[in-house]
N, C-alpha and C. Protein backbone atom coordinates (compact mmCIF):
# COMPACT_ATOMS: atom_id res chain seq x y z
N MET A 1 -11.35 -5.36 29.31
CA MET A 1 -10.97 -3.90 29.06
C MET A 1 -11.05 -3.19 27.80
N THR A 2 -11.21 -2.06 27.83
CA THR A 2 -12.36 -0.89 27.31
C THR A 2 -10.91 -0.25 26.60
N ILE A 3 -11.34 -0.71 25.17
CA ILE A 3 -10.56 0.48 24.06
C ILE A 3 -11.23 1.14 23.40
N ARG A 4 -10.67 2.85 23.57
CA ARG A 4 -11.38 3.84 22.54
C ARG A 4 -10.36 4.55 21.50
N LEU A 5 -10.97 4.54 20.63
CA LEU A 5 -10.11 5.29 19.79
C LEU A 5 -10.41 6.97 19.44
N LYS A 6 -9.42 7.93 19.41
CA LYS A 6 -9.68 9.26 19.21
C LYS A 6 -9.20 9.25 18.04
N GLN A 7 -9.39 10.47 17.18
CA GLN A 7 -8.66 11.27 16.02
C GLN A 7 -8.54 12.29 16.72
N CYS A 8 -7.16 12.89 16.27
CA CYS A 8 -6.52 14.00 16.74
C CYS A 8 -6.05 14.96 15.62
N GLU A 9 -5.33 16.11 15.77
CA GLU A 9 -4.85 16.63 15.18
C GLU A 9 -4.06 16.03 14.41
N ASN A 10 -2.94 15.39 14.99
CA ASN A 10 -1.74 14.57 15.30
C ASN A 10 -2.15 12.99 14.58
N GLY A 11 -3.10 12.49 14.41
CA GLY A 11 -3.23 11.42 14.37
C GLY A 11 -4.14 10.60 15.16
N ILE A 12 -4.36 9.15 15.25
CA ILE A 12 -4.70 8.49 16.04
C ILE A 12 -4.56 8.24 17.68
N ILE A 13 -5.08 8.53 18.28
CA ILE A 13 -4.85 8.54 20.18
C ILE A 13 -5.91 7.16 20.15
N ALA A 14 -4.91 6.18 21.06
CA ALA A 14 -5.78 5.00 21.70
C ALA A 14 -5.72 4.67 23.04
N ASP A 15 -7.08 4.90 24.01
CA ASP A 15 -7.28 4.98 25.21
C ASP A 15 -7.53 2.91 25.68
N VAL A 16 -6.74 2.90 26.28
CA VAL A 16 -6.55 1.27 26.30
C VAL A 16 -6.59 0.89 27.91
N GLY A 17 -7.79 0.77 28.75
CA GLY A 17 -8.19 0.72 29.92
C GLY A 17 -7.51 1.91 30.62
N GLY A 18 -7.41 2.86 30.24
CA GLY A 18 -6.89 4.28 30.98
C GLY A 18 -5.35 4.41 30.66
N ASP A 19 -4.75 3.66 29.84
CA ASP A 19 -3.23 4.33 29.40
C ASP A 19 -3.58 4.41 27.99
N VAL A 20 -3.02 6.02 27.68
CA VAL A 20 -3.59 7.16 26.79
C VAL A 20 -1.84 6.73 25.52
N GLN A 21 -1.91 6.43 24.37
CA GLN A 21 -0.95 6.23 23.79
C GLN A 21 -1.59 6.58 21.85
N PRO A 22 -0.11 7.37 21.52
CA PRO A 22 -0.39 7.52 19.81
C PRO A 22 -0.56 6.37 19.48
N VAL A 23 -1.45 6.06 18.14
CA VAL A 23 -1.37 5.22 17.55
C VAL A 23 -0.41 5.34 15.96
N ALA A 24 0.59 4.95 15.68
CA ALA A 24 1.28 5.32 14.84
C ALA A 24 1.03 4.32 13.33
N ARG A 25 0.04 3.43 13.54
CA ARG A 25 0.41 2.41 12.58
C ARG A 25 -1.32 1.79 13.29
N VAL A 26 -2.09 1.32 11.83
CA VAL A 26 -2.56 -0.47 12.50
C VAL A 26 -2.28 -1.58 11.70
N ALA A 27 -2.50 -2.54 11.96
CA ALA A 27 -2.00 -3.84 11.21
C ALA A 27 -3.14 -4.76 11.16
N ARG A 28 -3.91 -5.52 10.06
CA ARG A 28 -4.12 -6.24 10.33
C ARG A 28 -3.48 -8.42 10.66
N ALA A 29 -3.63 -8.73 11.35
CA ALA A 29 -2.87 -9.64 11.78
C ALA A 29 -2.85 -10.70 10.98
N PHE A 30 -4.02 -11.33 10.20
CA PHE A 30 -4.28 -12.06 9.30
C PHE A 30 -4.89 -11.41 8.49
N PRO A 31 -4.37 -10.61 7.46
CA PRO A 31 -5.32 -9.78 6.07
C PRO A 31 -5.91 -10.88 5.02
N ARG A 32 -5.10 -11.96 4.86
CA ARG A 32 -5.93 -12.72 3.96
C ARG A 32 -7.12 -13.62 4.72
N SER A 33 -6.77 -14.02 5.39
CA SER A 33 -7.44 -15.38 6.25
C SER A 33 -8.30 -14.94 7.11
N ASN A 34 -8.46 -13.43 7.94
CA ASN A 34 -9.35 -13.15 8.93
C ASN A 34 -9.10 -12.01 9.18
N PRO A 35 -9.44 -11.17 7.61
CA PRO A 35 -9.37 -9.73 7.74
C PRO A 35 -10.15 -8.49 8.60
N ASP A 36 -11.28 -9.57 9.00
CA ASP A 36 -12.39 -8.73 10.26
C ASP A 36 -12.04 -9.16 11.69
N ARG A 37 -10.90 -9.47 11.95
CA ARG A 37 -10.93 -9.51 13.66
C ARG A 37 -9.43 -9.65 13.28
N PHE A 38 -8.58 -9.38 14.63
CA PHE A 38 -6.94 -9.36 15.18
C PHE A 38 -6.52 -8.04 14.40
N VAL A 39 -6.62 -7.17 14.91
CA VAL A 39 -5.94 -6.03 14.53
C VAL A 39 -5.37 -5.14 15.75
N GLY A 40 -4.08 -5.43 14.95
CA GLY A 40 -2.64 -4.19 15.75
C GLY A 40 -3.03 -2.86 15.96
N LEU A 41 -2.82 -2.18 17.20
CA LEU A 41 -2.60 -0.82 16.89
C LEU A 41 -0.80 -0.98 17.47
N LEU A 42 0.37 0.05 16.76
CA LEU A 42 1.10 -0.33 16.86
C LEU A 42 1.77 1.45 17.12
N GLY A 43 2.76 1.39 17.93
CA GLY A 43 3.11 2.72 18.27
C GLY A 43 4.17 3.45 17.80
N GLU A 44 4.70 4.26 17.68
CA GLU A 44 5.70 5.29 17.05
C GLU A 44 6.72 4.04 16.97
N ASP A 45 7.52 3.58 18.22
CA ASP A 45 8.13 2.38 18.29
C ASP A 45 8.52 1.32 17.39
N GLY A 46 7.16 0.86 17.07
CA GLY A 46 6.53 -0.33 16.11
C GLY A 46 6.12 -0.94 17.07
N GLN A 47 6.31 -0.99 18.52
CA GLN A 47 5.78 -2.08 19.35
C GLN A 47 4.21 -2.10 18.87
N GLU A 48 3.37 -3.40 19.57
CA GLU A 48 2.36 -3.51 19.69
C GLU A 48 1.78 -2.92 20.73
N ILE A 49 0.71 -1.73 20.64
CA ILE A 49 0.02 -1.14 22.14
C ILE A 49 -1.13 -2.10 22.09
N CYS A 50 -1.95 -2.67 21.46
CA CYS A 50 -2.73 -3.85 21.83
C CYS A 50 -3.14 -4.67 20.48
N LEU A 51 -3.70 -5.54 21.28
CA LEU A 51 -4.51 -6.23 19.49
C LEU A 51 -5.81 -6.19 19.82
N ILE A 52 -6.64 -6.24 18.80
CA ILE A 52 -8.21 -5.71 19.16
C ILE A 52 -8.53 -7.43 18.54
N GLU A 53 -8.78 -7.83 19.25
CA GLU A 53 -9.52 -9.15 18.57
C GLU A 53 -10.76 -9.08 17.73
N ASP A 54 -12.09 -8.34 18.05
CA ASP A 54 -12.62 -8.17 17.36
C ASP A 54 -13.37 -6.86 17.14
N PRO A 55 -13.01 -6.16 16.60
CA PRO A 55 -13.60 -4.79 15.87
C PRO A 55 -14.80 -4.42 16.23
N GLY A 56 -15.71 -4.69 16.38
CA GLY A 56 -17.06 -4.96 16.19
C GLY A 56 -17.44 -4.79 17.69
N THR A 57 -16.79 -5.14 18.79
CA THR A 57 -16.58 -4.73 19.67
C THR A 57 -16.43 -3.43 20.53
N LEU A 58 -16.08 -2.51 19.46
CA LEU A 58 -15.81 -1.05 20.13
C LEU A 58 -17.08 -0.33 19.75
N ASP A 59 -16.74 0.59 20.32
CA ASP A 59 -17.82 2.00 20.31
C ASP A 59 -17.71 2.37 18.70
N ALA A 60 -19.06 2.97 18.51
CA ALA A 60 -19.19 3.58 17.03
C ALA A 60 -18.36 4.08 16.59
N ASP A 61 -17.96 5.32 17.31
CA ASP A 61 -16.55 6.29 16.97
C ASP A 61 -15.69 5.64 16.67
N SER A 62 -15.11 4.51 17.51
CA SER A 62 -13.75 4.07 17.41
C SER A 62 -13.84 3.01 16.38
N GLN A 63 -14.81 2.16 15.91
CA GLN A 63 -15.02 1.48 15.04
C GLN A 63 -14.86 2.29 13.22
N GLU A 64 -15.32 3.67 13.56
CA GLU A 64 -15.35 4.52 12.49
C GLU A 64 -13.63 4.99 12.05
N ILE A 65 -12.86 5.31 13.26
CA ILE A 65 -11.64 6.17 12.86
C ILE A 65 -10.86 4.59 13.03
N LEU A 66 -11.03 3.53 13.17
CA LEU A 66 -10.51 2.03 12.48
C LEU A 66 -10.57 1.77 11.48
N ASN A 67 -11.51 1.67 11.22
CA ASN A 67 -11.99 1.40 9.45
C ASN A 67 -11.37 2.44 8.57
N ALA A 68 -11.55 3.72 9.13
CA ALA A 68 -10.56 4.74 8.35
C ALA A 68 -9.17 4.53 8.38
N ALA A 69 -8.81 4.44 9.17
CA ALA A 69 -7.29 3.77 9.36
C ALA A 69 -7.12 2.74 8.42
N LEU A 70 -7.78 1.80 8.59
CA LEU A 70 -7.49 0.46 7.91
C LEU A 70 -7.27 0.59 6.35
N LYS A 71 -8.63 1.58 5.86
CA LYS A 71 -8.45 1.44 4.47
C LYS A 71 -7.50 2.26 3.70
N ASP A 72 -7.13 3.53 4.81
CA ASP A 72 -5.88 4.08 4.30
C ASP A 72 -4.86 2.98 4.04
N ALA A 73 -4.53 2.58 5.02
CA ALA A 73 -3.57 1.27 5.21
C ALA A 73 -3.22 0.33 4.19
N TYR A 74 -4.61 -0.34 3.97
CA TYR A 74 -4.81 -1.20 2.96
C TYR A 74 -5.20 -0.90 1.31
N PHE A 75 -5.42 0.13 1.50
CA PHE A 75 -5.81 0.74 0.08
C PHE A 75 -4.80 0.84 -1.13
N ILE A 76 -4.21 0.13 -1.95
CA ILE A 76 -3.67 0.76 -2.94
C ILE A 76 -4.46 1.02 -4.37
N PRO A 77 -4.15 2.12 -4.62
CA PRO A 77 -4.37 2.61 -5.61
C PRO A 77 -3.95 2.30 -7.24
N ARG A 78 -4.73 2.09 -8.00
CA ARG A 78 -4.14 1.79 -9.37
C ARG A 78 -3.71 2.50 -10.26
N ILE A 79 -2.59 2.63 -10.69
CA ILE A 79 -1.83 3.36 -11.92
C ILE A 79 -2.71 3.04 -12.73
N ARG A 80 -3.42 3.89 -13.72
CA ARG A 80 -4.02 4.07 -14.69
C ARG A 80 -3.12 4.30 -16.04
N GLU A 81 -2.18 5.60 -15.74
CA GLU A 81 -1.07 5.75 -16.91
C GLU A 81 0.13 6.14 -15.97
N ILE A 82 1.06 5.93 -16.46
CA ILE A 82 2.23 6.82 -16.45
C ILE A 82 2.97 8.17 -17.32
N LEU A 83 2.71 9.00 -16.89
CA LEU A 83 3.48 10.52 -17.55
C LEU A 83 4.82 10.54 -17.42
N SER A 84 5.70 9.89 -16.40
CA SER A 84 7.10 9.96 -16.41
C SER A 84 7.70 9.21 -15.44
N VAL A 85 8.65 9.10 -15.75
CA VAL A 85 9.94 8.02 -14.34
C VAL A 85 10.94 8.92 -14.81
N THR A 86 11.42 9.94 -14.27
CA THR A 86 12.78 10.70 -13.94
C THR A 86 13.80 10.13 -13.40
N PRO A 87 14.90 9.60 -13.70
CA PRO A 87 15.70 8.74 -12.58
C PRO A 87 16.41 10.03 -11.48
N ARG A 88 16.24 9.56 -10.26
CA ARG A 88 16.91 10.55 -9.29
C ARG A 88 17.62 9.08 -8.47
N GLY A 89 19.10 9.31 -8.58
CA GLY A 89 20.03 8.32 -7.61
C GLY A 89 19.79 7.19 -8.10
N THR A 90 19.39 6.21 -7.34
CA THR A 90 19.33 4.76 -7.42
C THR A 90 17.89 4.31 -7.85
N GLY A 91 17.06 5.30 -7.51
CA GLY A 91 15.74 5.46 -7.91
C GLY A 91 14.81 6.05 -8.94
N GLY A 92 13.89 7.27 -8.49
CA GLY A 92 13.46 8.15 -9.88
C GLY A 92 11.75 8.65 -9.04
N GLU A 93 11.86 9.70 -9.87
CA GLU A 93 10.44 10.30 -9.68
C GLU A 93 9.27 10.14 -10.80
N TRP A 94 7.96 9.77 -10.26
CA TRP A 94 6.83 8.80 -10.81
C TRP A 94 6.22 10.43 -11.47
N THR A 95 5.59 10.32 -12.10
CA THR A 95 4.29 11.34 -12.40
C THR A 95 3.20 9.87 -13.12
N VAL A 96 2.26 9.74 -12.29
CA VAL A 96 1.49 8.77 -12.41
C VAL A 96 -0.26 9.53 -12.32
N VAL A 97 -1.18 9.22 -13.56
CA VAL A 97 -2.41 9.29 -13.32
C VAL A 97 -3.14 7.77 -12.45
N ALA A 98 -3.03 8.03 -11.31
CA ALA A 98 -3.93 6.41 -10.52
C ALA A 98 -5.86 7.00 -10.46
N GLU A 99 -6.34 5.93 -9.85
CA GLU A 99 -7.59 6.19 -9.67
C GLU A 99 -8.00 7.33 -8.64
N ASP A 100 -7.12 7.53 -8.09
CA ASP A 100 -7.54 8.71 -6.94
C ASP A 100 -6.77 10.28 -7.58
N GLY A 101 -6.35 10.44 -9.00
CA GLY A 101 -5.91 11.44 -9.58
C GLY A 101 -4.82 11.16 -10.03
N GLU A 102 -4.13 12.87 -10.63
CA GLU A 102 -2.69 12.16 -10.29
C GLU A 102 -1.81 12.63 -9.55
N VAL A 103 -0.74 11.65 -9.25
CA VAL A 103 0.15 11.39 -7.81
C VAL A 103 1.78 11.59 -8.66
N VAL A 104 2.62 12.22 -7.93
CA VAL A 104 4.23 12.49 -8.00
C VAL A 104 4.48 11.95 -6.56
N PHE A 105 5.46 10.72 -7.23
CA PHE A 105 6.29 10.12 -5.64
C PHE A 105 7.42 9.47 -5.91
N ARG A 106 8.34 9.34 -5.65
CA ARG A 106 9.49 8.80 -5.46
C ARG A 106 10.08 7.42 -5.16
N THR A 107 10.63 6.98 -5.86
CA THR A 107 10.91 5.00 -5.12
C THR A 107 12.14 5.23 -5.03
N GLN A 108 12.93 4.67 -3.98
CA GLN A 108 13.90 4.69 -3.90
C GLN A 108 15.27 3.37 -4.78
N ASP A 109 14.49 2.67 -5.53
CA ASP A 109 15.38 2.02 -6.30
C ASP A 109 14.92 1.02 -7.12
N ARG A 110 15.09 0.07 -8.10
CA ARG A 110 14.32 -0.66 -8.88
C ARG A 110 13.54 -1.76 -7.67
N GLU A 111 14.28 -2.04 -6.41
CA GLU A 111 13.46 -3.16 -5.73
C GLU A 111 12.13 -2.71 -5.19
N ALA A 112 11.67 -1.49 -5.44
CA ALA A 112 10.68 -0.49 -5.25
C ALA A 112 9.47 -1.33 -6.04
N LEU A 113 9.84 -2.37 -7.32
CA LEU A 113 9.05 -2.47 -8.44
C LEU A 113 8.87 -4.12 -7.83
N ASP A 114 7.61 -4.69 -7.85
CA ASP A 114 7.45 -5.97 -7.08
C ASP A 114 6.29 -6.60 -8.48
N GLY A 115 6.84 -7.53 -9.23
CA GLY A 115 6.67 -7.95 -10.32
C GLY A 115 6.23 -9.85 -9.86
N SER A 116 5.84 -10.13 -8.45
CA SER A 116 5.74 -11.65 -8.17
C SER A 116 4.28 -12.22 -8.72
N GLU A 117 3.52 -11.11 -9.62
CA GLU A 117 2.27 -11.79 -9.74
C GLU A 117 2.02 -11.17 -11.01
N PRO A 118 2.73 -11.78 -12.05
CA PRO A 118 2.86 -10.84 -13.51
C PRO A 118 1.33 -10.82 -13.87
N PRO A 119 1.10 -10.23 -14.65
CA PRO A 119 1.74 -9.35 -15.50
C PRO A 119 1.45 -8.12 -14.24
N SER A 120 0.93 -7.91 -13.30
CA SER A 120 0.76 -7.25 -12.42
C SER A 120 1.98 -6.56 -11.95
N ILE A 121 1.99 -5.61 -11.12
CA ILE A 121 3.36 -4.77 -10.69
C ILE A 121 2.83 -4.25 -9.16
N THR A 122 3.55 -4.03 -8.51
CA THR A 122 3.32 -3.28 -7.13
C THR A 122 4.21 -2.53 -6.95
N VAL A 123 4.03 -1.14 -6.99
CA VAL A 123 5.13 -0.16 -6.69
C VAL A 123 5.19 0.64 -5.63
N THR A 124 6.65 0.61 -4.75
CA THR A 124 6.12 1.08 -3.43
C THR A 124 7.02 2.22 -3.29
N ASP A 125 6.33 3.40 -3.12
CA ASP A 125 6.92 4.73 -2.89
C ASP A 125 7.97 4.80 -1.17
N GLU A 126 8.74 6.13 -1.15
CA GLU A 126 9.55 5.87 -0.70
C GLU A 126 9.19 6.25 0.98
N ASN A 127 7.85 6.31 1.02
CA ASN A 127 7.27 6.06 2.29
C ASN A 127 6.22 5.21 2.39
N GLY A 128 6.41 3.81 1.64
CA GLY A 128 5.75 2.79 1.70
C GLY A 128 4.29 2.63 1.28
N ARG A 129 3.93 4.07 0.64
CA ARG A 129 2.34 3.76 -0.04
C ARG A 129 3.05 2.83 -1.16
N ARG A 130 1.70 1.99 -1.56
CA ARG A 130 1.99 0.88 -2.70
C ARG A 130 0.50 1.64 -3.58
N TYR A 131 1.14 1.48 -5.34
CA TYR A 131 0.42 1.65 -5.82
C TYR A 131 0.45 0.20 -6.91
N ARG A 132 -0.49 -0.22 -7.36
CA ARG A 132 -0.57 -1.55 -8.45
C ARG A 132 -0.62 -1.02 -9.93
N ILE A 133 0.21 -1.60 -10.68
CA ILE A 133 -0.32 -1.52 -12.29
C ILE A 133 -0.85 -2.99 -12.18
N LYS A 134 -2.31 -3.16 -12.70
CA LYS A 134 -3.11 -4.25 -12.96
C LYS A 134 -2.33 -4.84 -13.85
N ASP A 135 -1.91 -4.71 -15.40
CA ASP A 135 -1.65 -5.31 -16.05
C ASP A 135 -0.39 -4.53 -16.98
N TYR A 136 0.87 -4.76 -16.84
CA TYR A 136 1.75 -3.37 -17.12
C TYR A 136 1.70 -4.05 -19.25
N TRP A 137 1.21 -5.01 -19.82
CA TRP A 137 1.20 -5.00 -20.84
C TRP A 137 0.13 -4.71 -21.50
N ALA A 138 -1.08 -4.12 -20.89
CA ALA A 138 -2.41 -3.33 -21.29
C ALA A 138 -2.40 -2.49 -21.04
N MET A 139 -1.35 -1.55 -20.57
CA MET A 139 -0.71 -0.03 -20.63
C MET A 139 -0.65 0.22 -21.95
N ASP A 140 -1.09 1.61 -22.18
CA ASP A 140 -0.61 2.38 -23.16
C ASP A 140 0.86 2.52 -23.37
N ARG A 141 1.37 2.61 -24.69
CA ARG A 141 2.77 2.42 -25.43
C ARG A 141 3.51 3.76 -24.42
N GLU A 142 3.11 4.70 -24.59
CA GLU A 142 3.79 5.27 -23.47
C GLU A 142 4.28 5.35 -22.17
N SER A 143 2.99 4.49 -21.63
CA SER A 143 3.39 4.22 -20.19
C SER A 143 3.79 3.06 -20.21
N ARG A 144 4.56 2.50 -20.82
CA ARG A 144 5.35 1.49 -20.88
C ARG A 144 6.37 1.55 -21.15
N ASN A 145 6.84 2.56 -22.02
CA ASN A 145 8.12 3.15 -22.55
C ASN A 145 8.87 3.93 -20.92
N ALA A 146 7.95 4.52 -20.40
CA ALA A 146 8.26 5.52 -19.24
C ALA A 146 9.77 4.60 -18.19
N MET A 147 8.27 3.11 -18.10
CA MET A 147 9.16 2.44 -16.85
C MET A 147 10.17 1.59 -17.53
N ARG A 148 10.41 1.45 -19.07
CA ARG A 148 10.55 0.19 -19.75
C ARG A 148 11.97 -0.37 -18.80
N ASP A 149 12.85 0.60 -18.44
CA ASP A 149 13.99 0.03 -17.92
C ASP A 149 14.25 -0.56 -16.29
N LEU A 150 12.84 -0.26 -15.82
CA LEU A 150 12.36 -0.79 -14.59
C LEU A 150 11.37 -1.97 -14.34
N VAL A 151 11.24 -2.74 -15.34
CA VAL A 151 10.38 -3.70 -15.55
C VAL A 151 10.84 -4.79 -15.42
N PRO A 152 9.86 -5.90 -13.70
CA PRO A 152 10.66 -6.68 -13.04
C PRO A 152 11.12 -7.69 -14.20
N ASP A 153 11.82 -8.60 -13.66
CA ASP A 153 12.15 -9.53 -14.72
C ASP A 153 10.99 -10.69 -14.95
N GLU A 154 10.17 -10.97 -13.46
CA GLU A 154 9.25 -11.46 -13.75
C GLU A 154 8.21 -11.68 -14.68
N VAL A 155 7.78 -10.08 -14.87
CA VAL A 155 6.90 -9.53 -16.03
C VAL A 155 7.53 -9.96 -17.37
N LEU A 156 8.75 -9.72 -17.62
CA LEU A 156 9.10 -9.90 -18.57
C LEU A 156 9.17 -11.11 -19.26
N ARG A 157 9.85 -11.92 -18.03
CA ARG A 157 9.85 -13.69 -18.48
C ARG A 157 8.38 -14.06 -19.02
N LEU A 158 7.48 -13.66 -18.06
CA LEU A 158 5.69 -14.33 -18.75
C LEU A 158 5.52 -13.68 -19.75
N ARG A 159 6.11 -12.43 -20.25
CA ARG A 159 5.38 -11.88 -21.75
C ARG A 159 6.38 -13.03 -22.43
N ALA A 160 7.58 -13.11 -22.41
CA ALA A 160 8.77 -14.33 -23.61
C ALA A 160 7.89 -15.60 -23.41
N ARG A 161 7.31 -16.09 -22.08
CA ARG A 161 6.74 -17.42 -22.52
C ARG A 161 5.65 -17.56 -23.27
N VAL A 162 4.81 -16.46 -23.61
CA VAL A 162 3.59 -15.96 -23.90
C VAL A 162 3.90 -15.85 -25.32
N VAL A 163 5.01 -15.08 -25.32
CA VAL A 163 5.55 -15.26 -27.44
C VAL A 163 5.15 -16.08 -27.59
N ARG A 164 6.15 -17.34 -26.87
CA ARG A 164 7.25 -18.58 -27.33
C ARG A 164 5.76 -19.54 -27.78
N LEU A 165 4.88 -19.07 -26.79
CA LEU A 165 3.30 -20.14 -26.65
C LEU A 165 2.88 -19.94 -28.28
N ARG A 166 2.48 -19.11 -28.54
CA ARG A 166 1.69 -18.68 -29.68
C ARG A 166 2.47 -18.66 -31.09
N ARG A 167 3.95 -18.85 -30.80
CA ARG A 167 4.72 -19.17 -32.40
C ARG A 167 4.78 -20.51 -32.66
């Protein structure tokens, strides 16, 4: 079965053996263990349109479109500085300086911050885009203070353990 991808003004269109459908999202089936194979194309309803076993078998234009979509889906900009976090309901509006420039985004709630790999924090905005703070404790004081009340417990616990060990 031949798979061709085309970029149009509304996004990506997949032609899978003559069946043409819009692609809402691309996803690696095994992003950690086998990132270069098995890429799913998902429709607007979240259902899989097809699974590309080996993206290297696509024509050059389709490979370029797929690679750009994967980069966009999996690129996590690093937050270098937090300019402000303004509470909005249960979430907040963030103004940050990331590696791709100044960004303003909203989070839905405190659960949008993942501290499962302390001292790193991953922040997910209300649209599902992720940002990474590599080391909360290495940030400048103003940045840490801007988000002080939102720091995940795991990051705080790690810091407490490190301080106890130094004593």
